């Protein structure tokens, strides 16, 4: 009996690259003519996996988020990994927006991905293992077809395919 081939479907973000993107965005904000006197702030909380933007108005906050997004893309971070919340009013008429950094696949999304793979009738088995999925198949070609299928779908988070065996 042949051994099954496998790979993992994960959603991971390199926090060091996020930190570098935040620092790069802070430098750009300090240098940009239209943003340098606004006293806008971008802070990263690595433990809570959140980025907070504080700005004097909603328009300036949008500009700061655009600068941060540009820095993130240059660092290889998919913008789908940042889930922005609604703007909140902060003290002194300021605006605060918080982004949660997506790390791992939620259980409900993992079940949806599993269901989508089963509905396409691939000759493969899918196991949900915590915040990742492991896909098994005797055929390496079948696994490659699943990867192509998954890349064509949009689940709202960045997906990576790792640990191919």
C-alpha atoms as a PDB file:
ATOM      1  CA  UNK A   1       0.000   0.000   0.000  1.00  0.00           C
ATOM      2  CA  UNK A   2       1.391   3.385  -0.997  1.00  0.00           C
ATOM      3  CA  UNK A   3       1.926   6.052   1.610  1.00  0.00           C
ATOM      4  CA  UNK A   4      -0.318   9.106   1.337  1.00  0.00           C
ATOM      5  CA  UNK A   5       1.150  12.449   0.341  1.00  0.00           C
ATOM      6  CA  UNK A   6       0.058  15.461   2.392  1.00  0.00           C
ATOM      7  CA  UNK A   7       0.286  19.209   2.893  1.00  0.00           C
ATOM      8  CA  UNK A   8      -0.990  21.746   5.425  1.00  0.00           C
ATOM      9  CA  UNK A   9      -3.259  24.715   4.797  1.00  0.00           C
ATOM     10  CA  UNK A  10      -2.320  27.483   7.255  1.00  0.00           C
ATOM     11  CA  UNK A  11      -2.751  31.204   7.724  1.00  0.00           C
ATOM     12  CA  UNK A  12       0.318  32.664   9.392  1.00  0.00           C
ATOM     13  CA  UNK A  13       1.835  36.125   9.528  1.00  0.00           C
ATOM     14  CA  UNK A  14       5.472  36.787  10.411  1.00  0.00           C
ATOM     15  CA  UNK A  15       5.181  39.180  13.382  1.00  0.00           C
ATOM     16  CA  UNK A  16       8.740  40.440  12.850  1.00  0.00           C
ATOM     17  CA  UNK A  17       7.775  41.596   9.350  1.00  0.00           C
ATOM     18  CA  UNK A  18       4.659  43.268  10.799  1.00  0.00           C
ATOM     19  CA  UNK A  19       6.873  45.053  13.334  1.00  0.00           C
ATOM     20  CA  UNK A  20       9.207  46.156  10.524  1.00  0.00           C
ATOM     21  CA  UNK A  21       6.234  47.429   8.483  1.00  0.00           C
ATOM     22  CA  UNK A  22       4.927  49.433  11.469  1.00  0.00           C
ATOM     23  CA  UNK A  23       8.353  50.985  12.043  1.00  0.00           C
ATOM     24  CA  UNK A  24       8.696  51.821   8.351  1.00  0.00           C
ATOM     25  CA  UNK A  25       5.206  53.409   8.358  1.00  0.00           C
ATOM     26  CA  UNK A  26       6.129  55.510  11.424  1.00  0.00           C
ATOM     27  CA  UNK A  27       9.231  56.812   9.609  1.00  0.00           C
ATOM     28  CA  UNK A  28       7.208  57.653   6.504  1.00  0.00           C
ATOM     29  CA  UNK A  29       4.563  59.465   8.572  1.00  0.00           C
ATOM     30  CA  UNK A  30       7.285  61.522  10.251  1.00  0.00           C
ATOM     31  CA  UNK A  31       8.700  62.494   6.832  1.00  0.00           C
ATOM     32  CA  UNK A  32       5.536  63.084   4.782  1.00  0.00           C
ATOM     33  CA  UNK A  33       4.686  66.775   4.523  1.00  0.00           C
ATOM     34  CA  UNK A  34       0.926  66.269   4.930  1.00  0.00           C
ATOM     35  CA  UNK A  35       1.252  63.921   7.939  1.00  0.00           C
ATOM     36  CA  UNK A  36       4.321  64.982   9.921  1.00  0.00           C
ATOM     37  CA  UNK A  37       2.614  67.677  12.046  1.00  0.00           C
ATOM     38  CA  UNK A  38      -0.541  65.650  12.757  1.00  0.00           C
ATOM     39  CA  UNK A  39       1.001  63.734  15.700  1.00  0.00           C
ATOM     40  CA  UNK A  40      -0.533  60.512  14.348  1.00  0.00           C
ATOM     41  CA  UNK A  41       0.622  57.266  15.938  1.00  0.00           C
ATOM     42  CA  UNK A  42       0.878  53.653  14.821  1.00  0.00           C
ATOM     43  CA  UNK A  43       1.445  51.111  17.597  1.00  0.00           C
ATOM     44  CA  UNK A  44       1.855  47.347  17.493  1.00  0.00           C
ATOM     45  CA  UNK A  45       0.916  45.037  20.361  1.00  0.00           C
ATOM     46  CA  UNK A  46       2.640  41.743  19.546  1.00  0.00           C
ATOM     47  CA  UNK A  47       1.013  39.821  22.395  1.00  0.00           C
ATOM     48  CA  UNK A  48      -2.544  40.819  21.442  1.00  0.00           C
ATOM     49  CA  UNK A  49      -1.654  40.755  17.713  1.00  0.00           C
ATOM     50  CA  UNK A  50      -3.187  44.179  17.088  1.00  0.00           C
ATOM     51  CA  UNK A  51      -2.141  47.389  15.353  1.00  0.00           C
ATOM     52  CA  UNK A  52      -3.651  50.655  16.586  1.00  0.00           C
ATOM     53  CA  UNK A  53      -3.736  53.855  14.546  1.00  0.00           C
ATOM     54  CA  UNK A  54      -4.429  57.099  16.412  1.00  0.00           C
ATOM     55  CA  UNK A  55      -5.046  60.271  14.393  1.00  0.00           C
ATOM     56  CA  UNK A  56      -6.710  63.693  14.811  1.00  0.00           C
ATOM     57  CA  UNK A  57      -9.398  62.969  12.183  1.00  0.00           C
ATOM     58  CA  UNK A  58     -10.909  60.144  10.189  1.00  0.00           C
ATOM     59  CA  UNK A  59      -9.302  61.458   6.969  1.00  0.00           C
ATOM     60  CA  UNK A  60      -5.812  61.483   8.510  1.00  0.00           C
ATOM     61  CA  UNK A  61      -6.424  58.007   9.970  1.00  0.00           C
ATOM     62  CA  UNK A  62      -7.256  56.725   6.456  1.00  0.00           C
ATOM     63  CA  UNK A  63      -4.021  58.289   5.144  1.00  0.00           C
ATOM     64  CA  UNK A  64      -1.987  56.639   7.923  1.00  0.00           C
ATOM     65  CA  UNK A  65      -3.657  53.276   7.223  1.00  0.00           C
ATOM     66  CA  UNK A  66      -2.756  53.648   3.532  1.00  0.00           C
ATOM     67  CA  UNK A  67       0.891  54.326   4.457  1.00  0.00           C
ATOM     68  CA  UNK A  68       0.856  51.289   6.767  1.00  0.00           C
ATOM     69  CA  UNK A  69      -0.727  49.136   4.039  1.00  0.00           C
ATOM     70  CA  UNK A  70       1.930  50.168   1.530  1.00  0.00           C
ATOM     71  CA  UNK A  71       4.694  49.325   4.009  1.00  0.00           C
ATOM     72  CA  UNK A  72       3.045  45.960   4.773  1.00  0.00           C
ATOM     73  CA  UNK A  73       2.785  45.013   1.100  1.00  0.00           C
ATOM     74  CA  UNK A  74       6.449  45.914   0.558  1.00  0.00           C
ATOM     75  CA  UNK A  75       7.286  43.564   3.454  1.00  0.00           C
ATOM     76  CA  UNK A  76       5.310  40.688   1.899  1.00  0.00           C
ATOM     77  CA  UNK A  77       2.330  40.876   4.257  1.00  0.00           C
ATOM     78  CA  UNK A  78      -1.038  40.205   2.641  1.00  0.00           C
ATOM     79  CA  UNK A  79      -3.513  42.981   3.507  1.00  0.00           C
ATOM     80  CA  UNK A  80      -6.191  40.328   4.128  1.00  0.00           C
ATOM     81  CA  UNK A  81      -4.214  39.457   7.267  1.00  0.00           C
ATOM     82  CA  UNK A  82      -5.246  42.812   8.808  1.00  0.00           C
ATOM     83  CA  UNK A  83      -8.907  42.944   9.901  1.00  0.00           C
ATOM     84  CA  UNK A  84      -9.716  46.608  10.579  1.00  0.00           C
ATOM     85  CA  UNK A  85     -12.426  47.447  13.079  1.00  0.00           C
ATOM     86  CA  UNK A  86     -14.717  50.459  13.071  1.00  0.00           C
ATOM     87  CA  UNK A  87     -13.255  53.892  13.890  1.00  0.00           C
ATOM     88  CA  UNK A  88     -13.679  54.841  17.541  1.00  0.00           C
ATOM     89  CA  UNK A  89     -13.755  58.295  19.037  1.00  0.00           C
ATOM     90  CA  UNK A  90     -10.799  58.833  21.367  1.00  0.00           C
ATOM     91  CA  UNK A  91     -10.013  61.578  23.885  1.00  0.00           C
ATOM     92  CA  UNK A  92      -9.586  65.127  22.578  1.00  0.00           C
ATOM     93  CA  UNK A  93     -11.548  64.566  19.364  1.00  0.00           C
ATOM     94  CA  UNK A  94      -9.046  62.020  18.052  1.00  0.00           C
ATOM     95  CA  UNK A  95      -9.916  58.862  16.112  1.00  0.00           C
ATOM     96  CA  UNK A  96      -8.616  55.386  16.925  1.00  0.00           C
ATOM     97  CA  UNK A  97      -8.748  52.383  14.583  1.00  0.00           C
ATOM     98  CA  UNK A  98      -7.570  48.931  15.558  1.00  0.00           C
ATOM     99  CA  UNK A  99      -6.611  46.082  13.253  1.00  0.00           C
ATOM    100  CA  UNK A 100      -6.449  42.489  14.395  1.00  0.00           C
ATOM    101  CA  UNK A 101      -3.712  40.406  12.798  1.00  0.00           C
ATOM    102  CA  UNK A 102      -5.147  37.108  11.554  1.00  0.00           C
ATOM    103  CA  UNK A 103      -3.003  34.197  12.653  1.00  0.00           C
ATOM    104  CA  UNK A 104      -4.522  30.759  12.184  1.00  0.00           C
ATOM    105  CA  UNK A 105      -7.718  29.502  10.600  1.00  0.00           C
ATOM    106  CA  UNK A 106     -10.895  29.805  12.676  1.00  0.00           C
ATOM    107  CA  UNK A 107     -12.880  26.618  13.260  1.00  0.00           C
ATOM    108  CA  UNK A 108     -15.913  27.731  11.225  1.00  0.00           C
ATOM    109  CA  UNK A 109     -13.719  28.693   8.254  1.00  0.00           C
ATOM    110  CA  UNK A 110     -11.799  25.410   8.513  1.00  0.00           C
ATOM    111  CA  UNK A 111     -15.096  23.511   8.296  1.00  0.00           C
ATOM    112  CA  UNK A 112     -16.111  25.585   5.259  1.00  0.00           C
ATOM    113  CA  UNK A 113     -12.791  24.854   3.507  1.00  0.00           C
ATOM    114  CA  UNK A 114     -13.186  21.147   4.332  1.00  0.00           C
ATOM    115  CA  UNK A 115     -16.729  21.191   2.909  1.00  0.00           C
ATOM    116  CA  UNK A 116     -15.587  22.972  -0.283  1.00  0.00           C
ATOM    117  CA  UNK A 117     -12.871  20.371  -0.892  1.00  0.00           C
ATOM    118  CA  UNK A 118     -15.329  17.505  -0.321  1.00  0.00           C
ATOM    119  CA  UNK A 119     -17.935  19.070  -2.639  1.00  0.00           C
ATOM    120  CA  UNK A 120     -15.410  19.182  -5.491  1.00  0.00           C
ATOM    121  CA  UNK A 121     -15.040  15.406  -5.069  1.00  0.00           C
ATOM    122  CA  UNK A 122     -11.265  15.383  -4.870  1.00  0.00           C
ATOM    123  CA  UNK A 123      -9.770  12.024  -3.931  1.00  0.00           C
ATOM    124  CA  UNK A 124      -8.393  13.389  -0.683  1.00  0.00           C
ATOM    125  CA  UNK A 125      -9.026  13.435   3.058  1.00  0.00           C
ATOM    126  CA  UNK A 126      -8.976  16.641   5.115  1.00  0.00           C
ATOM    127  CA  UNK A 127      -8.285  16.787   8.849  1.00  0.00           C
ATOM    128  CA  UNK A 128      -8.780  19.890  10.971  1.00  0.00           C
ATOM    129  CA  UNK A 129      -5.869  20.142  13.405  1.00  0.00           C
ATOM    130  CA  UNK A 130      -6.314  23.159  15.645  1.00  0.00           C
ATOM    131  CA  UNK A 131      -5.793  26.286  13.534  1.00  0.00           C
ATOM    132  CA  UNK A 132      -4.646  24.459  10.381  1.00  0.00           C
ATOM    133  CA  UNK A 133      -5.887  21.806   7.987  1.00  0.00           C
ATOM    134  CA  UNK A 134      -3.968  18.780   6.774  1.00  0.00           C
ATOM    135  CA  UNK A 135      -4.884  17.336   3.372  1.00  0.00           C
ATOM    136  CA  UNK A 136      -3.989  13.708   2.487  1.00  0.00           C
ATOM    137  CA  UNK A 137      -4.119  11.970  -0.886  1.00  0.00           C
ATOM    138  CA  UNK A 138      -2.302   9.046  -2.503  1.00  0.00           C
ATOM    139  CA  UNK A 139      -1.754  11.207  -5.595  1.00  0.00           C
ATOM    140  CA  UNK A 140       0.586  14.190  -5.569  1.00  0.00           C
ATOM    141  CA  UNK A 141      -1.204  15.506  -8.680  1.00  0.00           C
ATOM    142  CA  UNK A 142      -4.500  15.508  -6.770  1.00  0.00           C
ATOM    143  CA  UNK A 143      -2.897  17.597  -4.022  1.00  0.00           C
ATOM    144  CA  UNK A 144      -1.628  20.071  -6.617  1.00  0.00           C
ATOM    145  CA  UNK A 145      -5.150  20.337  -8.058  1.00  0.00           C
ATOM    146  CA  UNK A 146      -6.469  21.079  -4.557  1.00  0.00           C
ATOM    147  CA  UNK A 147      -3.860  23.834  -4.106  1.00  0.00           C
ATOM    148  CA  UNK A 148      -4.876  25.412  -7.428  1.00  0.00           C
ATOM    149  CA  UNK A 149      -8.546  25.141  -6.420  1.00  0.00           C
ATOM    150  CA  UNK A 150      -7.840  26.795  -3.047  1.00  0.00           C
ATOM    151  CA  UNK A 151      -5.864  29.661  -4.631  1.00  0.00           C
ATOM    152  CA  UNK A 152      -8.830  30.446  -6.900  1.00  0.00           C
ATOM    153  CA  UNK A 153     -11.166  30.787  -3.897  1.00  0.00           C
ATOM    154  CA  UNK A 154     -11.336  33.798  -1.573  1.00  0.00           C
ATOM    155  CA  UNK A 155     -11.848  33.049   2.113  1.00  0.00           C
ATOM    156  CA  UNK A 156     -11.025  36.542   3.375  1.00  0.00           C
ATOM    157  CA  UNK A 157      -7.701  35.528   4.909  1.00  0.00           C
ATOM    158  CA  UNK A 158      -4.336  34.728   3.335  1.00  0.00           C
ATOM    159  CA  UNK A 159      -3.738  30.998   3.007  1.00  0.00           C
ATOM    160  CA  UNK A 160      -0.346  29.324   2.723  1.00  0.00           C
ATOM    161  CA  UNK A 161       0.358  25.731   1.737  1.00  0.00           C
ATOM    162  CA  UNK A 162       3.190  24.263   3.767  1.00  0.00           C
ATOM    163  CA  UNK A 163       4.750  21.013   4.951  1.00  0.00           C
ATOM    164  CA  UNK A 164       4.401  19.132   1.680  1.00  0.00           C
ATOM    165  CA  UNK A 165       5.366  15.473   2.094  1.00  0.00           C
END
